[in-house]
Amino acid sequence: KCYWLTNYFETIFVQCWYPMTVATNSRYQKEAIARNL
């Protein structure tokens, strides 16, 4: 009866993009520093 609920919260779930992207950007910089070290 709650089929409509899955995408009701699309917006808040999509906001996972932000912490994920920061963590990704940070990790790539860690790789660059580590290679040089």
PDB file of all heavy atoms in Angstrom:
ATOM      1  N   LYS A   1       0.817  -1.211   0.000  1.00  0.00           N
ATOM      2  CA  LYS A   1       0.000   0.000   0.000  1.00  0.00           C
ATOM      3  C   LYS A   1       0.858   1.273   0.000  1.00  0.00           C
ATOM      4  O   LYS A   1       0.313   2.374  -0.133  1.00  0.00           O
ATOM      5  CB  LYS A   1      -0.952   0.000   1.195  1.00  0.00           C
ATOM      6  CG  LYS A   1      -2.027  -1.089   1.125  1.00  0.00           C
ATOM      7  CD  LYS A   1      -3.009  -0.970   2.270  1.00  0.00           C
ATOM      8  CE  LYS A   1      -4.115  -2.029   2.159  1.00  0.00           C
ATOM      9  NZ  LYS A   1      -5.103  -1.925   3.263  1.00  0.00           N
ATOM     10  N   CYS A   2       2.158   1.095   0.141  1.00  0.00           N
ATOM     11  CA  CYS A   2       3.050   2.255   0.224  1.00  0.00           C
ATOM     12  C   CYS A   2       4.032   2.291  -0.948  1.00  0.00           C
ATOM     13  O   CYS A   2       5.178   2.723  -0.820  1.00  0.00           O
ATOM     14  CB  CYS A   2       3.820   2.225   1.548  1.00  0.00           C
ATOM     15  SG  CYS A   2       2.757   2.299   3.004  1.00  0.00           S
ATOM     16  N   TYR A   3       3.572   1.859  -2.116  1.00  0.00           N
ATOM     17  CA  TYR A   3       4.400   1.855  -3.329  1.00  0.00           C
ATOM     18  C   TYR A   3       4.969   3.237  -3.653  1.00  0.00           C
ATOM     19  O   TYR A   3       6.049   3.385  -4.224  1.00  0.00           O
ATOM     20  CB  TYR A   3       3.563   1.368  -4.523  1.00  0.00           C
ATOM     21  CG  TYR A   3       2.374   2.241  -4.813  1.00  0.00           C
ATOM     22  CD1 TYR A   3       2.463   3.318  -5.701  1.00  0.00           C
ATOM     23  CD2 TYR A   3       1.144   2.031  -4.179  1.00  0.00           C
ATOM     24  CE1 TYR A   3       1.391   4.141  -5.947  1.00  0.00           C
ATOM     25  CE2 TYR A   3       0.068   2.857  -4.416  1.00  0.00           C
ATOM     26  CZ  TYR A   3       0.187   3.907  -5.297  1.00  0.00           C
ATOM     27  OH  TYR A   3      -0.878   4.737  -5.524  1.00  0.00           O
ATOM     28  N   TRP A   4       4.243   4.281  -3.304  1.00  0.00           N
ATOM     29  CA  TRP A   4       4.603   5.659  -3.614  1.00  0.00           C
ATOM     30  C   TRP A   4       5.746   6.181  -2.744  1.00  0.00           C
ATOM     31  O   TRP A   4       6.322   7.238  -3.017  1.00  0.00           O
ATOM     32  CB  TRP A   4       3.384   6.567  -3.412  1.00  0.00           C
ATOM     33  CG  TRP A   4       2.729   6.342  -2.076  1.00  0.00           C
ATOM     34  CD1 TRP A   4       1.766   5.415  -1.783  1.00  0.00           C
ATOM     35  CD2 TRP A   4       3.016   7.013  -0.839  1.00  0.00           C
ATOM     36  NE1 TRP A   4       1.434   5.468  -0.446  1.00  0.00           N
ATOM     37  CE2 TRP A   4       2.186   6.447   0.144  1.00  0.00           C
ATOM     38  CE3 TRP A   4       3.880   8.041  -0.496  1.00  0.00           C
ATOM     39  CZ2 TRP A   4       2.207   6.852   1.469  1.00  0.00           C
ATOM     40  CZ3 TRP A   4       3.907   8.470   0.821  1.00  0.00           C
ATOM     41  CH2 TRP A   4       3.071   7.878   1.788  1.00  0.00           C
ATOM     42  N   LEU A   5       6.078   5.414  -1.692  1.00  0.00           N
ATOM     43  CA  LEU A   5       7.028   5.912  -0.694  1.00  0.00           C
ATOM     44  C   LEU A   5       8.478   5.869  -1.194  1.00  0.00           C
ATOM     45  O   LEU A   5       9.294   6.717  -0.829  1.00  0.00           O
ATOM     46  CB  LEU A   5       6.898   5.088   0.586  1.00  0.00           C
ATOM     47  CG  LEU A   5       7.468   5.672   1.876  1.00  0.00           C
ATOM     48  CD1 LEU A   5       6.809   6.996   2.207  1.00  0.00           C
ATOM     49  CD2 LEU A   5       7.267   4.682   3.025  1.00  0.00           C
ATOM     50  N   THR A   6       8.790   4.887  -2.032  1.00  0.00           N
ATOM     51  CA  THR A   6      10.186   4.690  -2.475  1.00  0.00           C
ATOM     52  C   THR A   6      10.778   5.953  -3.080  1.00  0.00           C
ATOM     53  O   THR A   6      11.900   6.356  -2.739  1.00  0.00           O
ATOM     54  CB  THR A   6      10.247   3.549  -3.495  1.00  0.00           C
ATOM     55  OG1 THR A   6       9.777   2.347  -2.878  1.00  0.00           O
ATOM     56  CG2 THR A   6      11.665   3.342  -4.013  1.00  0.00           C
ATOM     57  N   ASN A   7      10.041   6.574  -3.967  1.00  0.00           N
ATOM     58  CA  ASN A   7      10.581   7.761  -4.638  1.00  0.00           C
ATOM     59  C   ASN A   7      10.129   9.067  -4.009  1.00  0.00           C
ATOM     60  O   ASN A   7      10.572  10.134  -4.443  1.00  0.00           O
ATOM     61  CB  ASN A   7      10.228   7.731  -6.128  1.00  0.00           C
ATOM     62  CG  ASN A   7      11.276   6.981  -6.926  1.00  0.00           C
ATOM     63  OD1 ASN A   7      11.796   5.970  -6.468  1.00  0.00           O
ATOM     64  ND2 ASN A   7      11.595   7.463  -8.112  1.00  0.00           N
ATOM     65  N   TYR A   8       9.285   8.985  -2.998  1.00  0.00           N
ATOM     66  CA  TYR A   8       8.930  10.196  -2.266  1.00  0.00           C
ATOM     67  C   TYR A   8      10.192  10.831  -1.678  1.00  0.00           C
ATOM     68  O   TYR A   8      10.344  12.050  -1.640  1.00  0.00           O
ATOM     69  CB  TYR A   8       7.928   9.881  -1.162  1.00  0.00           C
ATOM     70  CG  TYR A   8       7.408  11.097  -0.424  1.00  0.00           C
ATOM     71  CD1 TYR A   8       6.255  11.752  -0.860  1.00  0.00           C
ATOM     72  CD2 TYR A   8       8.073  11.605   0.677  1.00  0.00           C
ATOM     73  CE1 TYR A   8       5.782  12.886  -0.203  1.00  0.00           C
ATOM     74  CE2 TYR A   8       7.615  12.732   1.349  1.00  0.00           C
ATOM     75  CZ  TYR A   8       6.464  13.365   0.903  1.00  0.00           C
ATOM     76  OH  TYR A   8       6.006  14.482   1.553  1.00  0.00           O
ATOM     77  N   PHE A   9      11.111   9.970  -1.232  1.00  0.00           N
ATOM     78  CA  PHE A   9      12.330  10.447  -0.586  1.00  0.00           C
ATOM     79  C   PHE A   9      13.522  10.478  -1.536  1.00  0.00           C
ATOM     80  O   PHE A   9      14.676  10.450  -1.105  1.00  0.00           O
ATOM     81  CB  PHE A   9      12.649   9.585   0.636  1.00  0.00           C
ATOM     82  CG  PHE A   9      11.667   9.771   1.755  1.00  0.00           C
ATOM     83  CD1 PHE A   9      10.848   8.730   2.151  1.00  0.00           C
ATOM     84  CD2 PHE A   9      11.548  10.981   2.400  1.00  0.00           C
ATOM     85  CE1 PHE A   9       9.942   8.896   3.181  1.00  0.00           C
ATOM     86  CE2 PHE A   9      10.642  11.161   3.436  1.00  0.00           C
ATOM     87  CZ  PHE A   9       9.835  10.117   3.827  1.00  0.00           C
ATOM     88  N   GLU A  10      13.245  10.539  -2.833  1.00  0.00           N
ATOM     89  CA  GLU A  10      14.319  10.616  -3.820  1.00  0.00           C
ATOM     90  C   GLU A  10      15.302  11.736  -3.489  1.00  0.00           C
ATOM     91  O   GLU A  10      16.527  11.546  -3.522  1.00  0.00           O
ATOM     92  CB  GLU A  10      13.738  10.858  -5.220  1.00  0.00           C
ATOM     93  CG  GLU A  10      14.776  11.173  -6.280  1.00  0.00           C
ATOM     94  CD  GLU A  10      14.184  11.809  -7.524  1.00  0.00           C
ATOM     95  OE1 GLU A  10      12.981  12.147  -7.519  1.00  0.00           O
ATOM     96  OE2 GLU A  10      14.940  12.000  -8.492  1.00  0.00           O
ATOM     97  N   THR A  11      14.807  12.905  -3.175  1.00  0.00           N
ATOM     98  CA  THR A  11      15.669  14.074  -2.971  1.00  0.00           C
ATOM     99  C   THR A  11      16.675  13.855  -1.856  1.00  0.00           C
ATOM    100  O   THR A  11      17.874  14.112  -2.020  1.00  0.00           O
ATOM    101  CB  THR A  11      14.820  15.316  -2.680  1.00  0.00           C
ATOM    102  OG1 THR A  11      14.031  15.604  -3.828  1.00  0.00           O
ATOM    103  CG2 THR A  11      15.686  16.518  -2.354  1.00  0.00           C
ATOM    104  N   ILE A  12      16.203  13.363  -0.704  1.00  0.00           N
ATOM    105  CA  ILE A  12      17.123  13.206   0.428  1.00  0.00           C
ATOM    106  C   ILE A  12      18.105  12.079   0.171  1.00  0.00           C
ATOM    107  O   ILE A  12      19.281  12.150   0.568  1.00  0.00           O
ATOM    108  CB  ILE A  12      16.352  13.006   1.748  1.00  0.00           C
ATOM    109  CG1 ILE A  12      17.272  13.201   2.951  1.00  0.00           C
ATOM    110  CG2 ILE A  12      15.652  11.670   1.797  1.00  0.00           C
ATOM    111  CD1 ILE A  12      17.807  14.611   3.101  1.00  0.00           C
ATOM    112  N   PHE A  13      17.687  11.029  -0.532  1.00  0.00           N
ATOM    113  CA  PHE A  13      18.619   9.950  -0.856  1.00  0.00           C
ATOM    114  C   PHE A  13      19.676  10.410  -1.859  1.00  0.00           C
ATOM    115  O   PHE A  13      20.849  10.046  -1.763  1.00  0.00           O
ATOM    116  CB  PHE A  13      17.869   8.731  -1.387  1.00  0.00           C
ATOM    117  CG  PHE A  13      17.296   7.853  -0.309  1.00  0.00           C
ATOM    118  CD1 PHE A  13      15.942   7.531  -0.298  1.00  0.00           C
ATOM    119  CD2 PHE A  13      18.093   7.338   0.699  1.00  0.00           C
ATOM    120  CE1 PHE A  13      15.405   6.724   0.690  1.00  0.00           C
ATOM    121  CE2 PHE A  13      17.572   6.526   1.698  1.00  0.00           C
ATOM    122  CZ  PHE A  13      16.224   6.221   1.695  1.00  0.00           C
ATOM    123  N   VAL A  14      19.275  11.215  -2.831  1.00  0.00           N
ATOM    124  CA  VAL A  14      20.237  11.703  -3.819  1.00  0.00           C
ATOM    125  C   VAL A  14      21.310  12.563  -3.151  1.00  0.00           C
ATOM    126  O   VAL A  14      22.452  12.625  -3.617  1.00  0.00           O
ATOM    127  CB  VAL A  14      19.524  12.495  -4.935  1.00  0.00           C
ATOM    128  CG1 VAL A  14      20.532  13.238  -5.815  1.00  0.00           C
ATOM    129  CG2 VAL A  14      18.708  11.554  -5.808  1.00  0.00           C
ATOM    130  N   GLN A  15      20.981  13.184  -2.035  1.00  0.00           N
ATOM    131  CA  GLN A  15      21.963  14.036  -1.364  1.00  0.00           C
ATOM    132  C   GLN A  15      23.159  13.263  -0.829  1.00  0.00           C
ATOM    133  O   GLN A  15      24.141  13.858  -0.385  1.00  0.00           O
ATOM    134  CB  GLN A  15      21.292  14.854  -0.265  1.00  0.00           C
ATOM    135  CG  GLN A  15      20.415  15.953  -0.835  1.00  0.00           C
ATOM    136  CD  GLN A  15      19.797  16.845   0.222  1.00  0.00           C
ATOM    137  OE1 GLN A  15      20.020  16.669   1.421  1.00  0.00           O
ATOM    138  NE2 GLN A  15      19.020  17.811  -0.220  1.00  0.00           N
ATOM    139  N   CYS A  16      23.116  11.951  -0.939  1.00  0.00           N
ATOM    140  CA  CYS A  16      24.309  11.154  -0.660  1.00  0.00           C
ATOM    141  C   CYS A  16      25.452  11.532  -1.604  1.00  0.00           C
ATOM    142  O   CYS A  16      26.628  11.266  -1.310  1.00  0.00           O
ATOM    143  CB  CYS A  16      23.973   9.664  -0.795  1.00  0.00           C
ATOM    144  SG  CYS A  16      25.205   8.565  -0.075  1.00  0.00           S
ATOM    145  N   TRP A  17      25.103  12.168  -2.731  1.00  0.00           N
ATOM    146  CA  TRP A  17      26.144  12.581  -3.679  1.00  0.00           C
ATOM    147  C   TRP A  17      27.216  13.434  -3.011  1.00  0.00           C
ATOM    148  O   TRP A  17      28.405  13.344  -3.374  1.00  0.00           O
ATOM    149  CB  TRP A  17      25.554  13.368  -4.859  1.00  0.00           C
ATOM    150  CG  TRP A  17      25.179  14.792  -4.528  1.00  0.00           C
ATOM    151  CD1 TRP A  17      23.943  15.267  -4.217  1.00  0.00           C
ATOM    152  CD2 TRP A  17      26.059  15.932  -4.464  1.00  0.00           C
ATOM    153  NE1 TRP A  17      23.987  16.626  -3.966  1.00  0.00           N
ATOM    154  CE2 TRP A  17      25.280  17.055  -4.112  1.00  0.00           C
ATOM    155  CE3 TRP A  17      27.429  16.103  -4.686  1.00  0.00           C
ATOM    156  CZ2 TRP A  17      25.820  18.334  -3.960  1.00  0.00           C
ATOM    157  CZ3 TRP A  17      27.973  17.382  -4.531  1.00  0.00           C
ATOM    158  CH2 TRP A  17      27.171  18.467  -4.172  1.00  0.00           C
ATOM    159  N   TYR A  18      26.818  14.264  -2.030  1.00  0.00           N
ATOM    160  CA  TYR A  18      27.761  15.243  -1.500  1.00  0.00           C
ATOM    161  C   TYR A  18      28.860  14.603  -0.639  1.00  0.00           C
ATOM    162  O   TYR A  18      30.065  14.746  -0.960  1.00  0.00           O
ATOM    163  CB  TYR A  18      27.024  16.343  -0.740  1.00  0.00           C
ATOM    164  CG  TYR A  18      27.970  17.311  -0.080  1.00  0.00           C
ATOM    165  CD1 TYR A  18      28.849  18.069  -0.835  1.00  0.00           C
ATOM    166  CD2 TYR A  18      28.023  17.431   1.306  1.00  0.00           C
ATOM    167  CE1 TYR A  18      29.756  18.933  -0.232  1.00  0.00           C
ATOM    168  CE2 TYR A  18      28.919  18.286   1.915  1.00  0.00           C
ATOM    169  CZ  TYR A  18      29.786  19.038   1.148  1.00  0.00           C
ATOM    170  OH  TYR A  18      30.690  19.884   1.749  1.00  0.00           O
ATOM    171  N   PRO A  19      28.525  13.904   0.446  1.00  0.00           N
ATOM    172  CA  PRO A  19      29.618  13.309   1.222  1.00  0.00           C
ATOM    173  C   PRO A  19      30.421  12.297   0.412  1.00  0.00           C
ATOM    174  O   PRO A  19      31.636  12.169   0.596  1.00  0.00           O
ATOM    175  CB  PRO A  19      28.904  12.642   2.402  1.00  0.00           C
ATOM    176  CG  PRO A  19      27.487  12.478   1.960  1.00  0.00           C
ATOM    177  CD  PRO A  19      27.210  13.636   1.046  1.00  0.00           C
ATOM    178  N   MET A  20      29.748  11.590  -0.496  1.00  0.00           N
ATOM    179  CA  MET A  20      30.435  10.620  -1.340  1.00  0.00           C
ATOM    180  C   MET A  20      31.447  11.304  -2.254  1.00  0.00           C
ATOM    181  O   MET A  20      32.585  10.840  -2.415  1.00  0.00           O
ATOM    182  CB  MET A  20      29.404   9.853  -2.165  1.00  0.00           C
ATOM    183  CG  MET A  20      29.976   8.754  -3.027  1.00  0.00           C
ATOM    184  SD  MET A  20      28.695   7.969  -4.026  1.00  0.00           S
ATOM    185  CE  MET A  20      28.609   9.118  -5.404  1.00  0.00           C
ATOM    186  N   THR A  21      31.064  12.425  -2.848  1.00  0.00           N
ATOM    187  CA  THR A  21      31.955  13.123  -3.773  1.00  0.00           C
ATOM    188  C   THR A  21      33.128  13.760  -3.038  1.00  0.00           C
ATOM    189  O   THR A  21      34.260  13.750  -3.526  1.00  0.00           O
ATOM    190  CB  THR A  21      31.170  14.176  -4.572  1.00  0.00           C
ATOM    191  OG1 THR A  21      30.085  13.527  -5.263  1.00  0.00           O
ATOM    192  CG2 THR A  21      32.051  14.870  -5.590  1.00  0.00           C
ATOM    193  N   VAL A  22      32.883  14.320  -1.857  1.00  0.00           N
ATOM    194  CA  VAL A  22      33.989  14.878  -1.073  1.00  0.00           C
ATOM    195  C   VAL A  22      34.975  13.771  -0.701  1.00  0.00           C
ATOM    196  O   VAL A  22      36.196  13.932  -0.827  1.00  0.00           O
ATOM    197  CB  VAL A  22      33.472  15.589   0.191  1.00  0.00           C
ATOM    198  CG1 VAL A  22      34.653  16.000   1.082  1.00  0.00           C
ATOM    199  CG2 VAL A  22      32.655  16.812  -0.175  1.00  0.00           C
ATOM    200  N   ALA A  23      34.458  12.643  -0.241  1.00  0.00           N
ATOM    201  CA  ALA A  23      35.333  11.526   0.129  1.00  0.00           C
ATOM    202  C   ALA A  23      36.134  11.038  -1.073  1.00  0.00           C
ATOM    203  O   ALA A  23      37.313  10.680  -0.957  1.00  0.00           O
ATOM    204  CB  ALA A  23      34.508  10.384   0.721  1.00  0.00           C
ATOM    205  N   THR A  24      35.509  11.025  -2.234  1.00  0.00           N
ATOM    206  CA  THR A  24      36.184  10.587  -3.459  1.00  0.00           C
ATOM    207  C   THR A  24      37.286  11.559  -3.851  1.00  0.00           C
ATOM    208  O   THR A  24      38.427  11.165  -4.137  1.00  0.00           O
ATOM    209  CB  THR A  24      35.160  10.456  -4.600  1.00  0.00           C
ATOM    210  OG1 THR A  24      34.154   9.498  -4.230  1.00  0.00           O
ATOM    211  CG2 THR A  24      35.824  10.013  -5.890  1.00  0.00           C
ATOM    212  N   ASN A  25      36.967  12.840  -3.877  1.00  0.00           N
ATOM    213  CA  ASN A  25      37.937  13.881  -4.206  1.00  0.00           C
ATOM    214  C   ASN A  25      39.129  13.831  -3.250  1.00  0.00           C
ATOM    215  O   ASN A  25      40.294  13.890  -3.657  1.00  0.00           O
ATOM    216  CB  ASN A  25      37.234  15.236  -4.139  1.00  0.00           C
ATOM    217  CG  ASN A  25      38.129  16.401  -4.499  1.00  0.00           C
ATOM    218  OD1 ASN A  25      39.114  16.261  -5.208  1.00  0.00           O
ATOM    219  ND2 ASN A  25      37.788  17.576  -3.995  1.00  0.00           N
ATOM    220  N   SER A  26      38.836  13.695  -1.969  1.00  0.00           N
ATOM    221  CA  SER A  26      39.878  13.636  -0.948  1.00  0.00           C
ATOM    222  C   SER A  26      40.769  12.411  -1.147  1.00  0.00           C
ATOM    223  O   SER A  26      42.002  12.489  -1.034  1.00  0.00           O
ATOM    224  CB  SER A  26      39.213  13.595   0.434  1.00  0.00           C
ATOM    225  OG  SER A  26      40.149  13.353   1.455  1.00  0.00           O
ATOM    226  N   ARG A  27      40.164  11.276  -1.462  1.00  0.00           N
ATOM    227  CA  ARG A  27      40.948  10.045  -1.632  1.00  0.00           C
ATOM    228  C   ARG A  27      41.877  10.134  -2.843  1.00  0.00           C
ATOM    229  O   ARG A  27      43.016   9.659  -2.795  1.00  0.00           O
ATOM    230  CB  ARG A  27      40.021   8.840  -1.776  1.00  0.00           C
ATOM    231  CG  ARG A  27      40.761   7.499  -1.810  1.00  0.00           C
ATOM    232  CD  ARG A  27      39.784   6.339  -1.897  1.00  0.00           C
ATOM    233  NE  ARG A  27      40.460   5.076  -1.768  1.00  0.00           N
ATOM    234  CZ  ARG A  27      41.006   4.376  -2.777  1.00  0.00           C
ATOM    235  NH1 ARG A  27      40.956   4.890  -4.013  1.00  0.00           N
ATOM    236  NH2 ARG A  27      41.578   3.215  -2.569  1.00  0.00           N
ATOM    237  N   TYR A  28      41.418  10.726  -3.925  1.00  0.00           N
ATOM    238  CA  TYR A  28      42.289  10.872  -5.092  1.00  0.00           C
ATOM    239  C   TYR A  28      43.491  11.764  -4.775  1.00  0.00           C
ATOM    240  O   TYR A  28      44.601  11.542  -5.278  1.00  0.00           O
ATOM    241  CB  TYR A  28      41.499  11.413  -6.284  1.00  0.00           C
ATOM    242  CG  TYR A  28      40.887  10.306  -7.125  1.00  0.00           C
ATOM    243  CD1 TYR A  28      39.681   9.717  -6.777  1.00  0.00           C
ATOM    244  CD2 TYR A  28      41.537   9.831  -8.264  1.00  0.00           C
ATOM    245  CE1 TYR A  28      39.121   8.686  -7.534  1.00  0.00           C
ATOM    246  CE2 TYR A  28      40.994   8.811  -9.033  1.00  0.00           C
ATOM    247  CZ  TYR A  28      39.791   8.239  -8.658  1.00  0.00           C
ATOM    248  OH  TYR A  28      39.257   7.214  -9.403  1.00  0.00           O
ATOM    249  N   GLN A  29      43.285  12.769  -3.934  1.00  0.00           N
ATOM    250  CA  GLN A  29      44.417  13.604  -3.523  1.00  0.00           C
ATOM    251  C   GLN A  29      45.363  12.818  -2.614  1.00  0.00           C
ATOM    252  O   GLN A  29      46.586  12.985  -2.675  1.00  0.00           O
ATOM    253  CB  GLN A  29      43.903  14.871  -2.842  1.00  0.00           C
ATOM    254  CG  GLN A  29      43.196  15.795  -3.835  1.00  0.00           C
ATOM    255  CD  GLN A  29      42.701  17.075  -3.198  1.00  0.00           C
ATOM    256  OE1 GLN A  29      43.471  17.984  -2.940  1.00  0.00           O
ATOM    257  NE2 GLN A  29      41.394  17.150  -2.960  1.00  0.00           N
ATOM    258  N   LYS A  30      44.795  11.945  -1.800  1.00  0.00           N
ATOM    259  CA  LYS A  30      45.628  11.090  -0.953  1.00  0.00           C
ATOM    260  C   LYS A  30      46.508  10.184  -1.816  1.00  0.00           C
ATOM    261  O   LYS A  30      47.698   9.988  -1.529  1.00  0.00           O
ATOM    262  CB  LYS A  30      44.751  10.253  -0.031  1.00  0.00           C
ATOM    263  CG  LYS A  30      45.527   9.406   0.972  1.00  0.00           C
ATOM    264  CD  LYS A  30      44.567   8.673   1.898  1.00  0.00           C
ATOM    265  CE  LYS A  30      45.309   7.880   2.960  1.00  0.00           C
ATOM    266  NZ  LYS A  30      44.368   7.178   3.875  1.00  0.00           N
ATOM    267  N   GLU A  31      45.947   9.647  -2.880  1.00  0.00           N
ATOM    268  CA  GLU A  31      46.730   8.810  -3.781  1.00  0.00           C
ATOM    269  C   GLU A  31      47.872   9.592  -4.414  1.00  0.00           C
ATOM    270  O   GLU A  31      49.003   9.085  -4.531  1.00  0.00           O
ATOM    271  CB  GLU A  31      45.823   8.216  -4.867  1.00  0.00           C
ATOM    272  CG  GLU A  31      44.902   7.113  -4.379  1.00  0.00           C
ATOM    273  CD  GLU A  31      44.137   6.455  -5.502  1.00  0.00           C
ATOM    274  OE1 GLU A  31      43.776   7.168  -6.470  1.00  0.00           O
ATOM    275  OE2 GLU A  31      43.890   5.238  -5.423  1.00  0.00           O
ATOM    276  N   ALA A  32      47.594  10.830  -4.832  1.00  0.00           N
ATOM    277  CA  ALA A  32      48.629  11.658  -5.454  1.00  0.00           C
ATOM    278  C   ALA A  32      49.757  11.950  -4.477  1.00  0.00           C
ATOM    279  O   ALA A  32      50.948  11.876  -4.831  1.00  0.00           O
ATOM    280  CB  ALA A  32      48.016  12.957  -5.973  1.00  0.00           C
ATOM    281  N   ILE A  33      49.416  12.303  -3.247  1.00  0.00           N
ATOM    282  CA  ILE A  33      50.438  12.590  -2.237  1.00  0.00           C
ATOM    283  C   ILE A  33      51.237  11.334  -1.924  1.00  0.00           C
ATOM    284  O   ILE A  33      52.465  11.363  -1.820  1.00  0.00           O
ATOM    285  CB  ILE A  33      49.780  13.158  -0.959  1.00  0.00           C
ATOM    286  CG1 ILE A  33      49.111  14.499  -1.252  1.00  0.00           C
ATOM    287  CG2 ILE A  33      50.820  13.315   0.144  1.00  0.00           C
ATOM    288  CD1 ILE A  33      48.219  15.002  -0.120  1.00  0.00           C
ATOM    289  N   ALA A  34      50.538  10.213  -1.778  1.00  0.00           N
ATOM    290  CA  ALA A  34      51.217   8.959  -1.436  1.00  0.00           C
ATOM    291  C   ALA A  34      52.194   8.533  -2.527  1.00  0.00           C
ATOM    292  O   ALA A  34      53.303   8.069  -2.234  1.00  0.00           O
ATOM    293  CB  ALA A  34      50.185   7.858  -1.193  1.00  0.00           C
ATOM    294  N   ARG A  35      51.797   8.685  -3.783  1.00  0.00           N
ATOM    295  CA  ARG A  35      52.698   8.331  -4.884  1.00  0.00           C
ATOM    296  C   ARG A  35      53.982   9.156  -4.812  1.00  0.00           C
ATOM    297  O   ARG A  35      55.093   8.643  -5.008  1.00  0.00           O
ATOM    298  CB  ARG A  35      52.017   8.558  -6.228  1.00  0.00           C
ATOM    299  CG  ARG A  35      50.999   7.513  -6.610  1.00  0.00           C
ATOM    300  CD  ARG A  35      50.630   7.621  -8.087  1.00  0.00           C
ATOM    301  NE  ARG A  35      50.122   8.937  -8.455  1.00  0.00           N
ATOM    302  CZ  ARG A  35      48.845   9.293  -8.420  1.00  0.00           C
ATOM    303  NH1 ARG A  35      47.929   8.414  -8.013  1.00  0.00           N
ATOM    304  NH2 ARG A  35      48.467  10.500  -8.792  1.00  0.00           N
ATOM    305  N   ASN A  36      53.809  10.458  -4.523  1.00  0.00           N
ATOM    306  CA  ASN A  36      54.975  11.330  -4.478  1.00  0.00           C
ATOM    307  C   ASN A  36      55.845  11.026  -3.265  1.00  0.00           C
ATOM    308  O   ASN A  36      57.077  11.041  -3.358  1.00  0.00           O
ATOM    309  CB  ASN A  36      54.534  12.789  -4.475  1.00  0.00           C
ATOM    310  CG  ASN A  36      55.625  13.717  -4.943  1.00  0.00           C
ATOM    311  OD1 ASN A  36      56.497  14.090  -4.176  1.00  0.00           O
ATOM    312  ND2 ASN A  36      55.579  14.062  -6.236  1.00  0.00           N
ATOM    313  N   LEU A  37      55.237  10.752  -2.138  1.00  0.00           N
ATOM    314  CA  LEU A  37      56.008  10.343  -0.965  1.00  0.00           C
ATOM    315  C   LEU A  37      56.783   9.069  -1.248  1.00  0.00           C
ATOM    316  O   LEU A  37      57.952   8.933  -0.864  1.00  0.00           O
ATOM    317  CB  LEU A  37      55.079  10.121   0.228  1.00  0.00           C
ATOM    318  CG  LEU A  37      54.642  11.330   1.038  1.00  0.00           C
ATOM    319  CD1 LEU A  37      53.574  10.931   2.045  1.00  0.00           C
ATOM    320  CD2 LEU A  37      55.832  11.969   1.753  1.00  0.00           C
TER     321      LEU A  37
END
